[in-house]
Each structure stands twice: as C-alpha cells, then as structure tokens.
Protein backbone atom coordinates (compact mmCIF):
# COMPACT_ATOMS: atom_id res chain seq x y z
CA MET A 1 -15.23 -91.29 6.68
CA PRO A 2 -14.61 -92.02 10.23
CA GLN A 3 -15.01 -95.74 11.12
CA ALA A 4 -17.23 -94.92 14.05
CA THR A 5 -19.59 -92.67 11.80
CA ARG A 6 -19.67 -95.35 9.22
CA SER A 7 -20.51 -98.15 11.78
CA SER A 8 -23.30 -95.68 13.05
CA LEU A 9 -24.40 -95.22 9.32
CA GLN A 10 -24.35 -99.27 9.07
CA ARG A 11 -26.52 -99.87 12.43
CA ARG A 12 -28.88 -97.27 11.46
CA ALA A 13 -29.62 -98.80 7.85
CA ILE A 14 -29.84 -102.59 9.34
CA VAL A 15 -32.57 -101.15 12.06
CA LEU A 16 -34.62 -99.94 8.73
CA GLU A 17 -33.97 -103.10 7.15
CA TYR A 18 -35.02 -105.03 9.98
CA GLY A 19 -38.26 -102.62 10.18
CA THR A 20 -39.02 -103.11 6.61
CA ILE A 21 -38.61 -106.90 7.12
CA VAL A 22 -41.54 -106.98 9.92
CA TRP A 23 -43.76 -104.67 8.20
CA ASN A 24 -43.49 -106.57 5.30
CA LEU A 25 -44.07 -109.93 6.76
CA GLY A 26 -47.15 -108.60 8.35
CA GLU A 27 -48.11 -107.06 5.14
CA ALA A 28 -47.92 -109.86 3.16
CA VAL A 29 -49.88 -111.87 5.35
CA LEU A 30 -52.95 -109.32 5.46
CA THR A 31 -52.97 -108.11 1.73
CA ILE A 32 -52.51 -111.55 0.25
CA GLY A 33 -55.80 -112.61 2.63
CA LEU A 34 -57.55 -109.36 1.59
CA GLY A 35 -56.73 -110.04 -2.01
CA ILE A 36 -58.03 -113.62 -2.24
CA ALA A 37 -61.20 -112.42 -0.30
CA ALA A 38 -61.61 -109.60 -3.00
CA ALA A 39 -60.17 -111.37 -6.04
CA SER A 40 -57.91 -108.45 -6.38
CA LEU A 41 -54.80 -108.89 -8.27
CA ALA A 42 -52.99 -105.66 -6.72
CA LEU A 43 -53.72 -106.88 -3.47
CA ILE A 44 -52.39 -110.20 -3.99
CA GLY A 45 -49.53 -108.85 -5.99
CA PHE A 46 -48.72 -106.46 -3.40
CA GLY A 47 -48.34 -109.21 -0.59
CA THR A 48 -46.15 -110.62 -3.01
CA ASP A 49 -44.34 -108.03 -3.65
CA SER A 50 -43.97 -107.69 0.19
CA ILE A 51 -42.51 -111.10 0.48
CA ILE A 52 -40.01 -110.42 -2.30
CA GLU A 53 -38.64 -107.05 -0.39
CA VAL A 54 -38.23 -109.08 2.65
CA PHE A 55 -35.65 -110.83 0.55
CA ALA A 56 -34.00 -108.03 -0.70
CA SER A 57 -33.60 -106.26 2.66
CA GLY A 58 -32.23 -109.59 3.82
CA VAL A 59 -29.60 -109.20 1.16
CA VAL A 60 -29.02 -105.89 2.42
CA VAL A 61 -28.44 -106.63 6.07
CA TRP A 62 -26.11 -109.63 4.56
CA HIS A 63 -23.95 -106.98 2.59
CA ILE A 64 -23.62 -104.28 5.53
CA ALA A 65 -23.38 -106.51 8.54
CA PRO A 66 -20.73 -105.61 10.70
CA GLY A 67 -17.64 -107.32 10.31
CA HIS A 68 -17.65 -107.08 6.54
CA THR A 69 -16.03 -105.08 4.11
CA VAL A 70 -18.85 -103.26 2.53
CA ASP A 71 -16.78 -101.93 -0.38
CA ARG A 72 -15.39 -105.33 -1.45
CA PRO A 73 -16.56 -105.18 -5.29
CA GLU A 74 -16.99 -109.18 -5.13
CA ARG A 75 -19.52 -108.74 -2.36
CA THR A 76 -21.34 -105.63 -3.59
CA ALA A 77 -21.77 -106.93 -7.23
CA ARG A 78 -23.35 -110.29 -5.54
CA ALA A 79 -25.52 -108.22 -3.62
CA LEU A 80 -26.83 -106.15 -6.69
CA ARG A 81 -27.14 -109.34 -8.66
CA LEU A 82 -29.49 -110.68 -5.80
CA VAL A 83 -31.37 -107.64 -5.65
CA ALA A 84 -31.66 -107.45 -9.52
CA ALA A 85 -33.22 -110.88 -9.33
CA ALA A 86 -35.55 -109.73 -6.76
CA PHE A 87 -36.90 -106.90 -9.29
CA LEU A 88 -37.20 -109.44 -11.96
CA LEU A 89 -39.32 -111.80 -9.73
CA LEU A 90 -41.51 -108.77 -9.08
CA ALA A 91 -41.84 -107.83 -12.61
CA VAL A 92 -42.73 -111.57 -13.61
CA VAL A 93 -45.54 -111.96 -10.88
CA LEU A 94 -47.01 -108.68 -11.67
CA ALA A 95 -46.76 -108.95 -15.39
CA THR A 96 -47.98 -112.64 -15.31
CA LEU A 97 -51.03 -111.60 -13.00
CA SER A 98 -51.81 -108.36 -14.57
CA ILE A 99 -51.94 -109.75 -18.47
CA ARG A 100 -54.15 -112.49 -17.07
CA ASP A 101 -56.63 -110.28 -15.68
CA LEU A 102 -56.84 -107.91 -18.43
CA ALA A 103 -57.44 -110.90 -20.82
CA THR A 104 -60.48 -112.37 -18.65
CA VAL A 105 -61.89 -109.20 -17.56
CA ARG A 106 -61.20 -110.30 -14.16
CA ARG A 107 -63.37 -107.90 -11.68
CA PRO A 108 -62.24 -107.48 -8.15
CA GLU A 109 -64.59 -106.97 -5.45
CA GLU A 110 -64.76 -103.83 -3.13
CA SER A 111 -62.13 -104.09 -0.34
CA ILE A 112 -62.48 -100.94 1.79
CA TRP A 113 -59.91 -102.26 4.36
CA GLY A 114 -57.45 -102.87 1.71
CA ILE A 115 -57.84 -99.50 0.49
CA ALA A 116 -57.17 -97.99 3.90
CA TYR A 117 -54.24 -100.11 4.94
CA LEU A 118 -52.36 -99.43 1.28
CA ALA A 119 -52.65 -95.67 1.96
CA VAL A 120 -50.94 -95.86 5.15
CA THR A 121 -48.26 -98.34 3.74
CA ALA A 122 -47.69 -95.87 0.82
CA LEU A 123 -46.72 -93.29 3.40
CA VAL A 124 -44.61 -95.53 5.64
CA MET A 125 -42.80 -96.89 2.47
CA PHE A 126 -42.14 -93.49 1.03
CA GLY A 127 -40.51 -92.63 4.43
CA LEU A 128 -38.43 -95.81 4.85
CA ALA A 129 -37.29 -95.52 1.08
CA LEU A 130 -36.02 -91.68 1.88
CA ALA A 131 -34.01 -92.77 4.86
CA LYS A 132 -32.66 -95.60 3.38
CA LYS A 133 -31.50 -93.53 0.28
CA ARG A 134 -29.83 -91.05 2.80
CA ILE A 135 -27.74 -93.45 4.56
CA ALA A 136 -26.83 -95.11 1.00
CA GLU A 137 -25.70 -91.89 -0.16
CA ARG A 138 -23.50 -91.28 2.76
CA LEU A 139 -22.21 -94.91 2.95
CA GLU A 140 -22.02 -94.91 -1.12
CA SER A 141 -23.36 -98.43 -0.90
CA ALA A 142 -25.23 -99.43 -4.10
CA PRO A 143 -27.05 -102.38 -2.76
CA LEU A 144 -28.87 -100.28 -0.13
CA ARG A 145 -29.40 -97.60 -2.81
CA SER A 146 -31.18 -100.07 -5.15
CA GLU A 147 -32.91 -101.62 -2.31
CA ALA A 148 -34.35 -98.29 -1.12
CA THR A 149 -35.46 -97.95 -5.09
CA LEU A 150 -37.54 -101.33 -4.40
CA THR A 151 -39.04 -99.87 -1.33
CA PHE A 152 -40.01 -96.73 -3.10
CA LEU A 153 -41.84 -98.93 -5.69
CA ASP A 154 -43.44 -100.62 -2.66
CA GLY A 155 -44.64 -97.62 -2.01
CA MET A 156 -45.77 -96.61 -5.85
CA LEU A 157 -47.46 -99.99 -5.75
CA ALA A 158 -49.55 -99.21 -2.57
CA THR A 159 -50.35 -95.98 -4.17
CA GLY A 160 -51.42 -97.33 -7.84
CA THR A 161 -53.10 -100.16 -5.73
CA THR A 162 -55.16 -97.73 -3.50
CA ILE A 163 -56.20 -95.66 -6.56
CA GLY A 164 -57.08 -98.74 -8.75
CA LEU A 165 -59.21 -100.34 -6.03
CA ALA A 166 -60.84 -96.84 -5.46
CA LEU A 167 -61.85 -96.37 -9.13
CA ASN A 168 -63.00 -100.02 -9.14
CA ALA A 169 -65.26 -99.02 -6.17
CA VAL A 170 -66.50 -95.83 -7.48
CA ALA A 171 -66.44 -95.78 -10.97
CA GLY A 172 -66.36 -99.64 -11.87
CA TRP A 173 -63.24 -99.24 -13.67
CA TRP A 174 -62.04 -103.02 -13.10
CA TRP A 175 -58.83 -102.37 -15.42
CA ALA A 176 -57.57 -100.03 -13.06
CA ASP A 177 -56.37 -102.45 -10.68
CA PRO A 178 -54.08 -104.44 -13.18
CA ALA A 179 -53.47 -101.82 -15.23
CA ALA A 180 -51.36 -99.91 -11.97
CA ALA A 181 -49.50 -103.36 -11.26
CA LEU A 182 -48.40 -103.55 -14.70
CA LEU A 183 -46.95 -100.17 -14.42
CA VAL A 184 -44.81 -101.11 -11.44
CA ALA A 185 -43.67 -104.71 -13.23
CA VAL A 186 -42.44 -102.36 -15.81
CA ALA A 187 -40.33 -100.03 -13.62
CA ALA A 188 -39.18 -103.28 -11.58
CA LEU A 189 -38.15 -104.85 -15.17
CA ASN A 190 -36.29 -101.63 -15.59
CA GLU A 191 -34.69 -101.75 -12.13
CA ALA A 192 -33.56 -105.50 -12.45
CA ARG A 193 -31.74 -104.35 -15.73
CA GLN A 194 -29.85 -101.53 -14.22
CA ASN A 195 -29.03 -103.45 -11.20
CA TRP A 196 -27.49 -106.31 -13.47
CA GLN A 197 -25.45 -104.13 -15.48
CA GLU A 198 -24.12 -101.86 -12.44
CA ALA A 199 -23.23 -105.39 -10.93
CA ALA A 200 -21.47 -106.21 -14.33
CA GLU A 201 -19.47 -102.92 -14.74
CA GLY A 202 -18.39 -102.83 -10.89
C-alpha cells in the first residue's frame, strides 16, 4: 500500500476514534446519571462500557498515531493486550451487576429518555463500528479491528438495554434488563480471550 494511502487511512481512523471518545464521554455522564435515577443496571453498565471504550479508543490512537510503525509486532501485541483488558473489565463489571440484580430481584424504574437515547446510540455505534472495520481491513490493523468489535458490542449493549427497558416498562419483565447485560458480558469475555490469544501468537 502506498504510504500516502496508509497515512490517509490512519488519519480517518484517528478521526473516528476521537469521535468515539467524545461521544462516549458525554454518553457516560448521561447514561450513568439516568441509570442512577431509574435504578437501572443496564443504563449504569452502559455508561461504564462507554468509559471502557474511551480507554480502548485511546489505545488505538496510540497504536496508529503518525510517526509510529503500525505493523511492529511488539507494539501491536501490547495494543491487543490493552484492548483485551478493556473487554475483560467490561465483562466483569456487567456480569457482577447482572448477577446481583437477578439474585436480588432489583426492579428498574421506567426511563423513557434512557430508551430514546439508547436507540439513537445503537445506530451511531453500529455506524462507527462498520467504518472502523473497513479501515482496519485495509490497514490490516488487528487492534483497530478489535476496537471496532468493542464498538459493535457497545451497539449491541445499547440495543439489548433498549429492549430490556422497554420490556420492563410494557410487560414488567424486570429480568430482561440484567439478562441483556449478562449476554453482552459473555460476548465481551470471549473477545478478551481471543485478543489475548492473538497477542500471544503474534
């Protein structure tokens, strides 16, 4: 790949990551606040996920920043381990809160604003994930590809949380909220394992 093309793709990737960071910082403040007000695990967990994704986006910016050799094996392995740690932290937080709420039958209050915001967030995250994935494939960047998966999981968590909160509001299915978060925790744990293995094999 010509250096000019690679540099252009790197700049586009960095713009996407900075956009993700700004969105997620605002998202963390809003969803954690709404989650505390509504006693909603999924909203609080979603805000926590936003903070974790800010960290993962920072790792990718560090990895592909101009002036560094993106394909250097040790640098890529370090970035993959850091992203794996982000996945693992997300899995632990969501699993812990999910199990607690399922065990104590914790019922979230209705949060119409939370449902509306998360529906929009799901669309934004899926769009960002797709754009990052395409650039990652052209750059052959494993860390960017992994972080794109984390962004996709963010979209899945937003979708699951939206459905869970809606089911709780309409049908009183209180367990749908923590159950959705628990499913995302399982997916995040699997991604953590795969990223760590890829770093070890690289």
